[in-house]
């Protein structure tokens, strides 16, 4: 996610021609976009990071459900 924020910030700074970013080539920003695309489409899936995040969300949901059901009995 930080790379997406960096891309957005650089594009905005370049677009509004702020300070030294006015001379920044668009190719750097496009290059970062390509890196982000490759990361999210291929590398993250290859490392299993997308499944791990989904598993953590499911685990938290399960823990909340158990806590809620045990809390009602008391």
N, C-alpha and C. Protein backbone atom coordinates (compact mmCIF):
# COMPACT_ATOMS: atom_id res chain seq x y z
N UNK A 1 0.81 -1.20 0.00
CA UNK A 1 0.00 0.00 0.00
C UNK A 1 0.86 1.27 0.00
N UNK A 2 1.99 1.28 0.67
CA UNK A 2 2.81 2.50 0.64
C UNK A 2 3.25 2.88 -0.78
N UNK A 3 3.46 1.89 -1.64
CA UNK A 3 3.88 2.23 -3.00
C UNK A 3 2.76 2.94 -3.76
N UNK A 4 1.52 2.59 -3.47
CA UNK A 4 0.38 3.25 -4.10
C UNK A 4 0.29 4.71 -3.64
N UNK A 5 0.51 4.93 -2.35
CA UNK A 5 0.50 6.30 -1.82
C UNK A 5 1.65 7.11 -2.41
N UNK A 6 2.81 6.50 -2.57
CA UNK A 6 3.95 7.17 -3.17
C UNK A 6 3.65 7.56 -4.62
N UNK A 7 3.05 6.65 -5.37
CA UNK A 7 2.70 6.94 -6.76
C UNK A 7 1.71 8.11 -6.82
N UNK A 8 0.69 8.08 -5.98
CA UNK A 8 -0.31 9.15 -5.97
C UNK A 8 0.32 10.49 -5.60
N UNK A 9 1.19 10.48 -4.60
CA UNK A 9 1.85 11.72 -4.17
C UNK A 9 2.77 12.27 -5.27
N UNK A 10 3.57 11.39 -5.87
CA UNK A 10 4.46 11.84 -6.94
C UNK A 10 3.69 12.35 -8.14
N UNK A 11 2.61 11.68 -8.50
CA UNK A 11 1.80 12.13 -9.63
C UNK A 11 1.17 13.50 -9.34
N UNK A 12 0.69 13.69 -8.13
CA UNK A 12 0.10 14.98 -7.76
C UNK A 12 1.15 16.08 -7.75
N UNK A 13 2.30 15.80 -7.15
CA UNK A 13 3.36 16.81 -7.11
C UNK A 13 3.87 17.15 -8.52
N UNK A 14 3.97 16.14 -9.35
CA UNK A 14 4.42 16.38 -10.73
C UNK A 14 3.34 17.12 -11.51
N UNK A 15 2.11 16.76 -11.31
CA UNK A 15 1.01 17.40 -12.03
C UNK A 15 0.83 18.87 -11.67
N UNK A 16 1.01 19.19 -10.40
CA UNK A 16 0.89 20.57 -9.95
C UNK A 16 2.20 21.33 -10.03
N UNK A 17 3.24 20.68 -10.53
CA UNK A 17 4.57 21.28 -10.73
C UNK A 17 5.10 21.93 -9.46
N UNK A 18 5.19 21.12 -8.42
CA UNK A 18 5.68 21.59 -7.12
C UNK A 18 7.18 21.36 -7.03
N UNK A 19 7.90 22.40 -6.69
CA UNK A 19 9.32 22.39 -6.37
C UNK A 19 10.13 21.60 -7.37
N UNK A 20 10.95 20.65 -6.94
CA UNK A 20 11.80 19.88 -7.84
C UNK A 20 11.05 18.78 -8.58
N UNK A 21 9.84 18.50 -8.13
CA UNK A 21 9.06 17.45 -8.77
C UNK A 21 8.55 17.89 -10.14
N UNK A 22 8.60 19.19 -10.42
CA UNK A 22 8.17 19.70 -11.73
C UNK A 22 9.07 19.16 -12.83
N UNK A 23 10.34 18.89 -12.51
CA UNK A 23 11.29 18.38 -13.50
C UNK A 23 11.36 16.85 -13.52
N UNK A 24 10.61 16.20 -12.65
CA UNK A 24 10.62 14.75 -12.58
C UNK A 24 9.98 14.16 -13.83
N UNK A 25 10.64 13.18 -14.41
CA UNK A 25 10.11 12.54 -15.60
C UNK A 25 8.91 11.66 -15.24
N UNK A 26 7.92 11.64 -16.13
CA UNK A 26 6.74 10.80 -15.92
C UNK A 26 7.13 9.33 -15.97
N UNK A 27 8.25 9.01 -16.59
CA UNK A 27 8.67 7.61 -16.70
C UNK A 27 8.98 7.01 -15.34
N UNK A 28 9.43 7.80 -14.38
CA UNK A 28 9.67 7.28 -13.03
C UNK A 28 8.34 6.87 -12.38
N UNK A 29 7.33 7.68 -12.58
CA UNK A 29 6.03 7.39 -12.00
C UNK A 29 5.42 6.17 -12.68
N UNK A 30 5.53 6.11 -14.00
CA UNK A 30 5.03 4.95 -14.74
C UNK A 30 5.79 3.69 -14.34
N UNK A 31 7.09 3.82 -14.13
CA UNK A 31 7.90 2.69 -13.67
C UNK A 31 7.42 2.17 -12.31
N UNK A 32 7.11 3.08 -11.40
CA UNK A 32 6.58 2.68 -10.10
C UNK A 32 5.23 2.00 -10.23
N UNK A 33 4.43 2.46 -11.18
CA UNK A 33 3.13 1.82 -11.42
C UNK A 33 3.31 0.39 -11.93
N UNK A 34 4.29 0.20 -12.79
CA UNK A 34 4.58 -1.15 -13.30
C UNK A 34 5.06 -2.05 -12.17
N UNK A 35 5.92 -1.53 -11.31
CA UNK A 35 6.41 -2.30 -10.17
C UNK A 35 5.25 -2.67 -9.25
N UNK A 36 4.36 -1.73 -8.99
CA UNK A 36 3.20 -2.01 -8.13
C UNK A 36 2.30 -3.07 -8.77
N UNK A 37 2.09 -2.99 -10.08
CA UNK A 37 1.26 -3.97 -10.78
C UNK A 37 1.87 -5.36 -10.67
N UNK A 38 3.17 -5.45 -10.93
CA UNK A 38 3.84 -6.75 -10.85
C UNK A 38 3.77 -7.29 -9.43
N UNK A 39 3.96 -6.43 -8.44
CA UNK A 39 3.91 -6.87 -7.05
C UNK A 39 2.53 -7.44 -6.71
N UNK A 40 1.47 -6.68 -6.99
CA UNK A 40 0.13 -7.09 -6.57
C UNK A 40 -0.42 -8.24 -7.40
N UNK A 41 -0.02 -8.36 -8.65
CA UNK A 41 -0.57 -9.39 -9.51
C UNK A 41 0.20 -10.71 -9.44
N UNK A 42 1.51 -10.64 -9.23
CA UNK A 42 2.30 -11.86 -9.32
C UNK A 42 3.05 -12.21 -8.04
N UNK A 43 3.83 -11.29 -7.52
CA UNK A 43 4.71 -11.60 -6.38
C UNK A 43 3.90 -11.88 -5.12
N UNK A 44 2.89 -11.05 -4.85
CA UNK A 44 2.08 -11.24 -3.64
C UNK A 44 1.37 -12.59 -3.67
N UNK A 45 0.86 -12.99 -4.83
CA UNK A 45 0.20 -14.28 -4.96
C UNK A 45 1.19 -15.43 -4.85
N UNK A 46 2.38 -15.24 -5.42
CA UNK A 46 3.40 -16.29 -5.36
C UNK A 46 3.87 -16.53 -3.92
N UNK A 47 3.95 -15.48 -3.14
CA UNK A 47 4.38 -15.60 -1.75
C UNK A 47 3.24 -16.00 -0.82
N UNK A 48 2.01 -15.98 -1.32
CA UNK A 48 0.86 -16.36 -0.50
C UNK A 48 0.40 -15.28 0.45
N UNK A 49 0.82 -14.04 0.20
CA UNK A 49 0.46 -12.96 1.11
C UNK A 49 -1.02 -12.63 1.04
N UNK A 50 -1.64 -12.80 -0.13
CA UNK A 50 -3.06 -12.50 -0.25
C UNK A 50 -3.89 -13.50 0.55
N UNK A 51 -3.50 -14.77 0.55
CA UNK A 51 -4.21 -15.80 1.32
C UNK A 51 -4.00 -15.60 2.82
N UNK A 52 -2.80 -15.17 3.18
CA UNK A 52 -2.50 -14.97 4.60
C UNK A 52 -3.35 -13.85 5.17
N UNK A 53 -3.53 -12.77 4.40
CA UNK A 53 -4.38 -11.67 4.86
C UNK A 53 -5.82 -12.12 5.02
N UNK A 54 -6.31 -12.88 4.06
CA UNK A 54 -7.69 -13.39 4.14
C UNK A 54 -7.85 -14.33 5.32
N UNK A 55 -6.84 -15.15 5.58
CA UNK A 55 -6.89 -16.07 6.71
C UNK A 55 -6.91 -15.30 8.03
N UNK A 56 -6.13 -14.24 8.13
CA UNK A 56 -6.11 -13.44 9.36
C UNK A 56 -7.48 -12.80 9.61
N UNK A 57 -8.13 -12.34 8.56
CA UNK A 57 -9.46 -11.74 8.71
C UNK A 57 -10.46 -12.80 9.18
N UNK A 58 -10.41 -13.98 8.59
CA UNK A 58 -11.31 -15.06 9.01
C UNK A 58 -11.05 -15.47 10.46
N UNK A 59 -9.81 -15.52 10.83
CA UNK A 59 -9.45 -15.90 12.20
C UNK A 59 -9.97 -14.87 13.21
N UNK A 60 -9.87 -13.58 12.85
CA UNK A 60 -10.37 -12.53 13.73
C UNK A 60 -11.89 -12.62 13.85
N UNK A 61 -12.57 -12.89 12.74
CA UNK A 61 -14.02 -13.04 12.77
C UNK A 61 -14.43 -14.20 13.68
N UNK A 62 -13.71 -15.31 13.57
CA UNK A 62 -14.00 -16.47 14.40
C UNK A 62 -13.80 -16.14 15.87
N UNK A 63 -12.70 -15.46 16.18
CA UNK A 63 -12.42 -15.10 17.58
C UNK A 63 -13.49 -14.17 18.12
N UNK A 64 -13.94 -13.22 17.32
CA UNK A 64 -15.00 -12.30 17.76
C UNK A 64 -16.31 -13.05 18.00
N UNK A 65 -16.62 -14.01 17.13
CA UNK A 65 -17.85 -14.79 17.27
C UNK A 65 -17.81 -15.63 18.54
N UNK A 66 -16.67 -16.26 18.82
CA UNK A 66 -16.53 -17.07 20.04
C UNK A 66 -16.63 -16.18 21.27
N UNK A 67 -15.99 -15.03 21.23
CA UNK A 67 -16.03 -14.12 22.37
C UNK A 67 -17.46 -13.62 22.61
N UNK A 68 -18.18 -13.33 21.54
CA UNK A 68 -19.55 -12.85 21.67
C UNK A 68 -20.47 -13.94 22.22
N UNK A 69 -20.32 -15.16 21.73
CA UNK A 69 -21.21 -16.23 22.21
C UNK A 69 -20.90 -16.63 23.64
N UNK A 70 -19.66 -16.60 24.04
CA UNK A 70 -19.31 -16.92 25.43
C UNK A 70 -19.69 -15.77 26.37
N UNK A 71 -19.70 -14.58 25.87
CA UNK A 71 -20.06 -13.43 26.68
C UNK A 71 -21.54 -13.40 27.03
N UNK A 72 -22.39 -13.95 26.18
CA UNK A 72 -23.83 -13.96 26.43
C UNK A 72 -24.21 -14.93 27.53
N UNK A 73 -23.43 -15.96 27.74
CA UNK A 73 -23.76 -17.00 28.74
C UNK A 73 -23.52 -16.51 30.15
N UNK A 74 -22.76 -15.54 30.32
CA UNK A 74 -22.42 -15.10 31.68
C UNK A 74 -23.40 -14.17 32.24
